[in-house]
Amino acid sequence: MFDPIQPHRPAIFLDRDGVLIEEVHYLSSVEQVRLLPGVVEGLRLLERSGFELVVVTNQAGVARHFFPESQVRVIHDHLEDLLASQGIGIRDWKYCPHHPTEGIGEYKVDCLCRKPKPGMLLEAAAEHGFNLKASFLIGDKRSDLEAGAAAGCRTTLVRTGHGSSEERNLLPGLPGFLGICDTLADAARLVLRLPQRESFSNIPVRAWA
């Protein structure tokens, strides 16, 4: 277990839709927020083992003017309260409201924060002093894993959300890729089974049911 007063603590970067909550096409209201099975168990395991929890999510619905940017914060406040009621704390919430081609006005930006680019992870690490080499990203899309790899993190795919369809697009060779898990709870157990200083080159690519 990690020392909570030690600087440069590791983080778990989490995609939001399809990993923490049910995938809803351009989710825009708190009434649509439903935690996925295994989320509370998985987050508890990770948090109690000393990981900081950070959500990193693309929200192109803002760029397309489907809902205002302020609504993203409303949803995150609601989700934060929902998790807090289960004793789970999220250290930070990062979101990208841009889209390089479909964005409208100021949101039409080829930015550095939209996954698969690693901007959100790098920003969180700079703000909080995370050790990216000891950190992990859990997502349901290849773009999530590419963002994690670009930031120097190890990654795993969950089959919730888009994961079941995305796993066929995962080829060997993605740096730091640990494998595929059914739920966030399974992904947490996979992370916690690993020696925390294990190098990328020693990690086999495998699937976990």
Protein backbone atom coordinates (compact mmCIF):
# COMPACT_ATOMS: atom_id res chain seq x y z
CA MET A 1 0.00 0.00 0.00
CA PHE A 2 1.22 3.50 -0.82
CA ASP A 3 2.17 6.02 1.85
CA PRO A 4 -0.55 8.75 1.77
CA ILE A 5 1.95 11.47 2.69
CA GLN A 6 4.49 10.45 0.06
CA PRO A 7 4.81 12.95 -2.81
CA HIS A 8 4.26 11.88 -6.41
CA ARG A 9 1.50 9.44 -5.60
CA PRO A 10 0.05 7.28 -8.39
CA ALA A 11 -3.32 8.00 -9.94
CA ILE A 12 -6.04 6.01 -11.60
CA PHE A 13 -7.35 7.94 -14.60
CA LEU A 14 -10.92 6.91 -15.43
CA ASP A 15 -13.01 7.52 -18.47
CA ARG A 16 -16.54 8.50 -17.45
CA ASP A 17 -19.21 7.24 -19.87
CA GLY A 18 -19.12 3.48 -20.27
CA VAL A 19 -16.62 3.03 -17.43
CA LEU A 20 -18.16 4.72 -14.39
CA ILE A 21 -21.70 5.25 -15.65
CA GLU A 22 -23.94 3.72 -18.28
CA GLU A 23 -23.19 4.84 -21.82
CA VAL A 24 -25.86 7.32 -22.96
CA HIS A 25 -25.58 9.07 -26.33
CA TYR A 26 -24.51 12.61 -25.39
CA LEU A 27 -25.60 12.33 -21.77
CA SER A 28 -26.86 15.74 -20.67
CA SER A 29 -28.90 15.39 -17.45
CA VAL A 30 -28.42 13.99 -13.97
CA GLU A 31 -31.48 11.78 -14.48
CA GLN A 32 -29.45 9.80 -17.02
CA VAL A 33 -26.61 9.05 -14.60
CA ARG A 34 -26.48 5.42 -13.46
CA LEU A 35 -23.42 3.76 -11.98
CA LEU A 36 -22.28 0.59 -13.70
CA PRO A 37 -21.96 -2.72 -11.84
CA GLY A 38 -18.60 -3.10 -10.13
CA VAL A 39 -17.83 0.61 -10.04
CA VAL A 40 -18.24 1.20 -6.30
CA GLU A 41 -16.32 -1.97 -5.44
CA GLY A 42 -13.52 -1.17 -7.89
CA LEU A 43 -13.10 2.45 -6.81
CA ARG A 44 -13.04 1.46 -3.14
CA LEU A 45 -10.31 -1.09 -3.78
CA LEU A 46 -8.19 1.41 -5.66
CA GLU A 47 -8.70 4.31 -3.28
CA ARG A 48 -7.99 2.21 -0.19
CA SER A 49 -4.76 1.03 -1.83
CA GLY A 50 -3.50 4.61 -2.07
CA PHE A 51 -4.43 5.63 -5.60
CA GLU A 52 -5.84 9.06 -6.37
CA LEU A 53 -8.92 8.90 -8.61
CA VAL A 54 -9.20 11.28 -11.57
CA VAL A 55 -11.92 11.35 -14.22
CA VAL A 56 -10.82 12.29 -17.77
CA THR A 57 -13.66 12.55 -20.29
CA ASN A 58 -14.26 13.87 -23.80
CA GLN A 59 -17.49 15.89 -23.92
CA ALA A 60 -17.98 16.79 -27.56
CA GLY A 61 -21.69 17.41 -26.91
CA VAL A 62 -20.56 20.80 -25.66
CA ALA A 63 -18.67 21.48 -28.89
CA ARG A 64 -21.73 20.51 -30.91
CA HIS A 65 -23.97 22.77 -28.74
CA PHE A 66 -26.10 19.83 -27.61
CA PHE A 67 -25.80 21.12 -24.04
CA PRO A 68 -23.90 23.96 -22.34
CA GLU A 69 -20.51 23.47 -20.74
CA SER A 70 -22.02 24.35 -17.38
CA GLN A 71 -24.13 21.18 -17.58
CA VAL A 72 -21.00 19.03 -17.57
CA ARG A 73 -20.11 20.50 -14.19
CA VAL A 74 -23.67 19.90 -12.93
CA ILE A 75 -23.41 16.24 -13.90
CA HIS A 76 -19.98 15.91 -12.33
CA ASP A 77 -21.20 17.49 -9.09
CA HIS A 78 -24.07 15.00 -9.04
CA LEU A 79 -21.79 12.05 -9.73
CA GLU A 80 -19.31 13.25 -7.12
CA ASP A 81 -22.11 13.38 -4.53
CA LEU A 82 -23.30 9.93 -5.59
CA LEU A 83 -19.83 8.45 -5.10
CA ALA A 84 -19.23 10.37 -1.88
CA SER A 85 -22.36 8.75 -0.45
CA GLN A 86 -20.50 5.46 -0.94
CA GLY A 87 -17.37 6.80 0.76
CA ILE A 88 -15.46 7.40 -2.47
CA GLY A 89 -13.65 10.65 -3.27
CA ILE A 90 -12.67 11.81 -6.75
CA ARG A 91 -9.54 13.97 -6.63
CA ASP A 92 -10.21 15.82 -9.89
CA TRP A 93 -12.54 16.00 -12.86
CA LYS A 94 -11.06 16.82 -16.26
CA TYR A 95 -13.11 17.16 -19.41
CA CYS A 96 -12.51 18.25 -22.99
CA PRO A 97 -15.37 20.30 -24.51
CA HIS A 98 -13.75 20.60 -27.96
CA HIS A 99 -14.00 18.90 -31.33
CA PRO A 100 -11.62 19.57 -34.21
CA THR A 101 -14.22 19.30 -37.02
CA GLU A 102 -17.72 19.26 -35.52
CA GLY A 103 -17.22 21.99 -32.93
CA ILE A 104 -19.09 25.27 -33.18
CA GLY A 105 -17.45 28.65 -32.59
CA GLU A 106 -14.78 28.68 -29.89
CA TYR A 107 -15.20 24.93 -29.37
CA LYS A 108 -13.96 24.02 -32.85
CA VAL A 109 -10.39 23.42 -31.75
CA ASP A 110 -7.78 20.80 -32.52
CA CYS A 111 -6.78 20.82 -28.88
CA LEU A 112 -4.28 18.93 -26.78
CA CYS A 113 -6.85 17.76 -24.24
CA ARG A 114 -9.13 15.62 -26.40
CA LYS A 115 -8.29 11.94 -26.10
CA PRO A 116 -6.37 10.17 -27.66
CA LYS A 117 -4.08 13.10 -26.85
CA PRO A 118 -2.83 13.05 -23.25
CA GLY A 119 -3.46 16.68 -22.29
CA MET A 120 -5.96 16.03 -19.49
CA LEU A 121 -3.68 13.48 -17.84
CA LEU A 122 -0.62 15.71 -18.13
CA GLU A 123 -2.52 18.66 -16.70
CA ALA A 124 -3.75 16.64 -13.72
CA ALA A 125 -0.25 15.29 -13.10
CA ALA A 126 1.23 18.79 -13.17
CA GLU A 127 -1.40 20.15 -10.81
CA HIS A 128 -1.32 17.32 -8.28
CA GLY A 129 2.18 15.89 -8.64
CA PHE A 130 1.12 12.44 -9.80
CA ASN A 131 3.71 9.86 -10.79
CA LEU A 132 2.52 8.98 -14.28
CA LYS A 133 4.83 5.97 -14.61
CA ALA A 134 3.14 4.43 -11.55
CA SER A 135 -0.35 5.44 -12.73
CA PHE A 136 -3.01 3.64 -14.75
CA LEU A 137 -5.82 4.54 -17.12
CA ILE A 138 -9.02 2.51 -17.33
CA GLY A 139 -11.19 3.11 -20.38
CA ASP A 140 -13.65 1.55 -22.79
CA LYS A 141 -12.16 2.86 -26.05
CA ARG A 142 -8.84 2.60 -27.82
CA SER A 143 -8.59 6.40 -27.73
CA ASP A 144 -8.62 6.21 -23.92
CA LEU A 145 -5.78 3.72 -23.91
CA GLU A 146 -3.77 5.74 -26.42
CA ALA A 147 -4.08 8.82 -24.20
CA GLY A 148 -2.89 6.83 -21.21
CA ALA A 149 0.03 5.35 -23.13
CA ALA A 150 1.03 8.78 -24.46
CA ALA A 151 1.15 10.06 -20.87
CA GLY A 152 3.34 7.13 -19.80
CA CYS A 153 0.65 5.22 -17.89
CA ARG A 154 -0.30 1.58 -18.00
CA THR A 155 -3.79 0.89 -19.32
CA THR A 156 -6.62 -1.59 -19.32
CA LEU A 157 -9.86 -1.85 -21.29
CA VAL A 158 -13.19 -2.70 -19.68
CA ARG A 159 -15.90 -4.43 -21.70
CA THR A 160 -18.61 -2.10 -20.37
CA GLY A 161 -19.71 0.82 -22.57
CA HIS A 162 -17.99 0.52 -25.95
CA GLY A 163 -15.41 -1.92 -24.64
CA SER A 164 -16.86 -5.12 -26.09
CA SER A 165 -16.83 -3.69 -29.61
CA GLU A 166 -13.52 -1.86 -29.14
CA GLU A 167 -11.52 -4.88 -28.00
CA ARG A 168 -11.30 -6.16 -31.56
CA ASN A 169 -9.42 -2.96 -32.46
CA LEU A 170 -6.71 -3.56 -29.86
CA LEU A 171 -3.56 -4.92 -31.39
CA PRO A 172 -0.45 -6.12 -29.52
CA GLY A 173 2.15 -3.44 -29.10
CA LEU A 174 0.18 -0.65 -27.41
CA PRO A 175 2.67 0.50 -24.74
CA GLY A 176 1.70 -0.39 -21.20
CA PHE A 177 -1.46 -2.28 -22.18
CA LEU A 178 -2.31 -4.79 -19.46
CA GLY A 179 -5.36 -6.50 -20.95
CA ILE A 180 -9.14 -6.60 -20.99
CA CYS A 181 -11.50 -6.89 -18.01
CA ASP A 182 -15.25 -7.34 -17.75
CA THR A 183 -15.87 -4.63 -15.13
CA LEU A 184 -14.12 -1.86 -13.26
CA ALA A 185 -13.91 -4.12 -10.21
CA ASP A 186 -12.02 -6.69 -12.30
CA ALA A 187 -9.73 -3.96 -13.62
CA ALA A 188 -9.01 -2.79 -10.07
CA ARG A 189 -8.06 -6.31 -9.00
CA LEU A 190 -5.77 -6.62 -12.03
CA VAL A 191 -4.01 -3.36 -11.14
CA LEU A 192 -3.59 -4.38 -7.52
CA ARG A 193 -2.07 -7.75 -8.47
CA LEU A 194 0.79 -6.01 -10.30
CA PRO A 195 4.08 -5.13 -8.65
CA GLN A 196 3.84 -1.33 -8.71
CA ARG A 197 7.36 -0.87 -10.07
CA GLU A 198 7.03 -3.42 -12.81
CA SER A 199 8.29 -2.01 -16.10
CA PHE A 200 6.19 -1.91 -19.26
CA SER A 201 8.49 -4.35 -21.01
CA ASN A 202 7.70 -7.08 -18.47
CA ILE A 203 3.91 -6.86 -18.73
CA PRO A 204 2.24 -9.50 -20.94
CA VAL A 205 -0.82 -8.65 -22.99
CA ARG A 206 -3.66 -10.82 -21.76
CA ALA A 207 -7.41 -10.80 -21.27
CA TRP A 208 -9.08 -11.15 -17.88
CA ALA A 209 -12.63 -12.47 -17.64
